[in-house]
Every structure is written in C-alpha cells, then in structure tokens.
C-alpha atoms as a PDB file:
ATOM      1  CA  MET A   1    -135.001  13.288 -31.422  1.00  0.00           C
ATOM      2  CA  ILE A   2    -133.684   9.929 -32.256  1.00  0.00           C
ATOM      3  CA  GLN A   3    -133.444   9.183 -36.168  1.00  0.00           C
ATOM      4  CA  THR A   4    -132.927   5.951 -37.920  1.00  0.00           C
ATOM      5  CA  PRO A   5    -130.722   5.474 -40.929  1.00  0.00           C
ATOM      6  CA  MET A   6    -133.880   4.946 -42.930  1.00  0.00           C
ATOM      7  CA  ILE A   7    -135.373   8.215 -41.834  1.00  0.00           C
ATOM      8  CA  ALA A   8    -132.094  10.213 -42.418  1.00  0.00           C
ATOM      9  CA  GLY A   9    -131.768   8.636 -45.941  1.00  0.00           C
ATOM     10  CA  GLN A  10    -135.371   9.588 -46.861  1.00  0.00           C
ATOM     11  CA  ALA A  11    -134.839  13.261 -45.838  1.00  0.00           C
ATOM     12  CA  TYR A  12    -131.295  13.184 -47.689  1.00  0.00           C
ATOM     13  CA  ALA A  13    -133.250  11.721 -50.817  1.00  0.00           C
ATOM     14  CA  ASN A  14    -136.027  14.389 -50.699  1.00  0.00           C
ATOM     15  CA  ARG A  15    -133.559  17.257 -50.589  1.00  0.00           C
ATOM     16  CA  THR A  16    -133.892  20.182 -53.330  1.00  0.00           C
ATOM     17  CA  ALA A  17    -130.901  21.937 -54.444  1.00  0.00           C
ATOM     18  CA  ILE A  18    -130.689  25.964 -54.446  1.00  0.00           C
ATOM     19  CA  ALA A  19    -129.064  27.459 -57.509  1.00  0.00           C
ATOM     20  CA  PRO A  20    -126.977  30.440 -57.185  1.00  0.00           C
ATOM     21  CA  GLN A  21    -128.787  33.411 -58.785  1.00  0.00           C
ATOM     22  CA  PRO A  22    -126.607  34.932 -61.753  1.00  0.00           C
ATOM     23  CA  GLY A  23    -125.376  38.031 -61.082  1.00  0.00           C
ATOM     24  CA  SER A  24    -125.959  38.083 -57.595  1.00  0.00           C
ATOM     25  CA  GLY A  25    -122.385  39.415 -56.945  1.00  0.00           C
ATOM     26  CA  SER A  26    -121.533  37.265 -54.078  1.00  0.00           C
ATOM     27  CA  GLY A  27    -118.672  34.735 -53.578  1.00  0.00           C
ATOM     28  CA  LEU A  28    -115.535  34.983 -55.449  1.00  0.00           C
ATOM     29  CA  GLY A  29    -117.071  35.561 -58.759  1.00  0.00           C
ATOM     30  CA  GLY A  30    -118.413  38.928 -57.518  1.00  0.00           C
ATOM     31  CA  ALA A  31    -115.071  39.925 -55.994  1.00  0.00           C
ATOM     32  CA  ALA A  32    -113.482  38.826 -59.556  1.00  0.00           C
ATOM     33  CA  ALA A  33    -116.008  41.093 -61.259  1.00  0.00           C
ATOM     34  CA  ASP A  34    -115.536  44.036 -58.697  1.00  0.00           C
ATOM     35  CA  PHE A  35    -111.821  43.796 -59.149  1.00  0.00           C
ATOM     36  CA  ALA A  36    -112.020  43.498 -62.964  1.00  0.00           C
ATOM     37  CA  GLN A  37    -114.189  46.727 -62.757  1.00  0.00           C
ATOM     38  CA  SER A  38    -111.853  48.754 -60.408  1.00  0.00           C
ATOM     39  CA  LEU A  39    -108.832  48.047 -62.931  1.00  0.00           C
ATOM     40  CA  ARG A  40    -110.991  48.952 -66.004  1.00  0.00           C
ATOM     41  CA  ALA A  41    -111.858  52.438 -63.975  1.00  0.00           C
ATOM     42  CA  SER A  42    -108.296  53.232 -63.084  1.00  0.00           C
ATOM     43  CA  GLU A  43    -107.132  52.286 -66.592  1.00  0.00           C
ATOM     44  CA  ASN A  44    -109.726  54.634 -67.930  1.00  0.00           C
ATOM     45  CA  THR A  45    -108.592  57.070 -65.600  1.00  0.00           C
ATOM     46  CA  ALA A  46    -104.806  56.956 -66.443  1.00  0.00           C
ATOM     47  CA  LEU A  47    -105.638  57.278 -69.984  1.00  0.00           C
ATOM     48  CA  SER A  48    -107.671  60.311 -69.409  1.00  0.00           C
ATOM     49  CA  ALA A  49    -104.796  61.566 -67.564  1.00  0.00           C
ATOM     50  CA  MET A  50    -102.295  61.105 -70.134  1.00  0.00           C
ATOM     51  CA  SER A  51    -104.584  63.172 -72.682  1.00  0.00           C
ATOM     52  CA  GLY A  52    -104.899  65.777 -70.348  1.00  0.00           C
ATOM     53  CA  GLY A  53    -108.467  65.050 -69.626  1.00  0.00           C
ATOM     54  CA  ALA A  54    -108.280  64.026 -66.052  1.00  0.00           C
ATOM     55  CA  ASP A  55    -106.423  65.957 -62.841  1.00  0.00           C
ATOM     56  CA  PRO A  56    -103.289  64.553 -61.385  1.00  0.00           C
ATOM     57  CA  GLN A  57    -105.328  64.128 -58.006  1.00  0.00           C
ATOM     58  CA  ALA A  58    -107.976  61.825 -59.642  1.00  0.00           C
ATOM     59  CA  LEU A  59    -105.034  59.874 -61.340  1.00  0.00           C
ATOM     60  CA  VAL A  60    -103.474  59.425 -57.649  1.00  0.00           C
ATOM     61  CA  GLU A  61    -106.730  58.175 -56.359  1.00  0.00           C
ATOM     62  CA  ALA A  62    -107.082  55.603 -59.110  1.00  0.00           C
ATOM     63  CA  LEU A  63    -103.841  54.348 -58.297  1.00  0.00           C
ATOM     64  CA  ALA A  64    -104.282  53.949 -54.795  1.00  0.00           C
ATOM     65  CA  GLN A  65    -107.488  51.885 -55.150  1.00  0.00           C
ATOM     66  CA  THR A  66    -105.849  50.004 -57.822  1.00  0.00           C
ATOM     67  CA  GLU A  67    -102.879  48.961 -55.357  1.00  0.00           C
ATOM     68  CA  LEU A  68    -105.348  48.163 -52.781  1.00  0.00           C
ATOM     69  CA  ALA A  69    -107.485  45.732 -55.135  1.00  0.00           C
ATOM     70  CA  VAL A  70    -104.281  44.122 -56.204  1.00  0.00           C
ATOM     71  CA  GLU A  71    -103.221  43.477 -52.926  1.00  0.00           C
ATOM     72  CA  THR A  72    -106.425  42.247 -51.683  1.00  0.00           C
ATOM     73  CA  ALA A  73    -106.373  39.706 -54.734  1.00  0.00           C
ATOM     74  CA  VAL A  74    -103.007  38.600 -54.065  1.00  0.00           C
ATOM     75  CA  THR A  75    -104.055  37.905 -50.017  1.00  0.00           C
ATOM     76  CA  ILE A  76    -107.084  35.900 -51.209  1.00  0.00           C
ATOM     77  CA  ARG A  77    -104.919  33.967 -53.702  1.00  0.00           C
ATOM     78  CA  ASN A  78    -102.565  33.360 -50.923  1.00  0.00           C
ATOM     79  CA  ARG A  79    -104.993  32.015 -48.466  1.00  0.00           C
ATOM     80  CA  VAL A  80    -106.639  29.613 -51.003  1.00  0.00           C
ATOM     81  CA  VAL A  81    -103.314  28.342 -51.676  1.00  0.00           C
ATOM     82  CA  GLU A  82    -102.357  27.855 -48.222  1.00  0.00           C
ATOM     83  CA  ALA A  83    -105.936  26.204 -47.589  1.00  0.00           C
ATOM     84  CA  TYR A  84    -105.404  23.829 -50.681  1.00  0.00           C
ATOM     85  CA  GLN A  85    -101.985  23.192 -49.355  1.00  0.00           C
ATOM     86  CA  GLU A  86    -103.393  22.092 -46.103  1.00  0.00           C
ATOM     87  CA  LEU A  87    -106.018  19.618 -47.584  1.00  0.00           C
ATOM     88  CA  LEU A  88    -102.809  18.211 -49.580  1.00  0.00           C
ATOM     89  CA  ARG A  89    -101.318  17.501 -46.018  1.00  0.00           C
ATOM     90  CA  MET A  90    -104.558  15.723 -44.507  1.00  0.00           C
ATOM     91  CA  PRO A  91    -104.111  12.173 -44.369  1.00  0.00           C
ATOM     92  CA  VAL A  92    -106.778  10.189 -46.198  1.00  0.00           C
END
C-alpha cells in the first residue's frame, strides 16, 4: 500500500492519545510504589520485632525482602543512567 505524504499527515492529525489510568501499577510509578510498600512493611516488622511482637524469623524474612528490593532498585537506576549516558553519546 502506497501512502502519500498528505494521507500520512491526515492520519497523524486524526490520532487520539490514550491517557494512562491512575493507579494502574505499571511502569516505573508502580515499581516505585511497590518498593515503598515493601520498605514500609519491613520497617513495621522491624519495629514490631524490637518491641517483642514479632518472631526473629519474620524479621529475617523482612530484611531479606528489603535487601532484594534495594538491589533491584539500584539495578534499575544503573540501567537508566547507562541509557541516559548512551543517549548523550549519540551524535546529533
């Protein structure tokens, strides 16, 4: 199918944007919310363990989850920084 520039321009002008749904939990916003929730839960478990309300096993599991969440966040940050640096190296 051959499209002329006029047809392509009309199709481009008639496009509609789709707004993201709030609270959809996808993308970096959802990942950040999950990360914050994981840290909050671990902090609550640690506070509970210090006051004698939680067993040591729950504390160890919470700390392991927190460590995994932090390592994941650092890895994502490093990838984003690498991608940004790659964009800066591109000739214009």
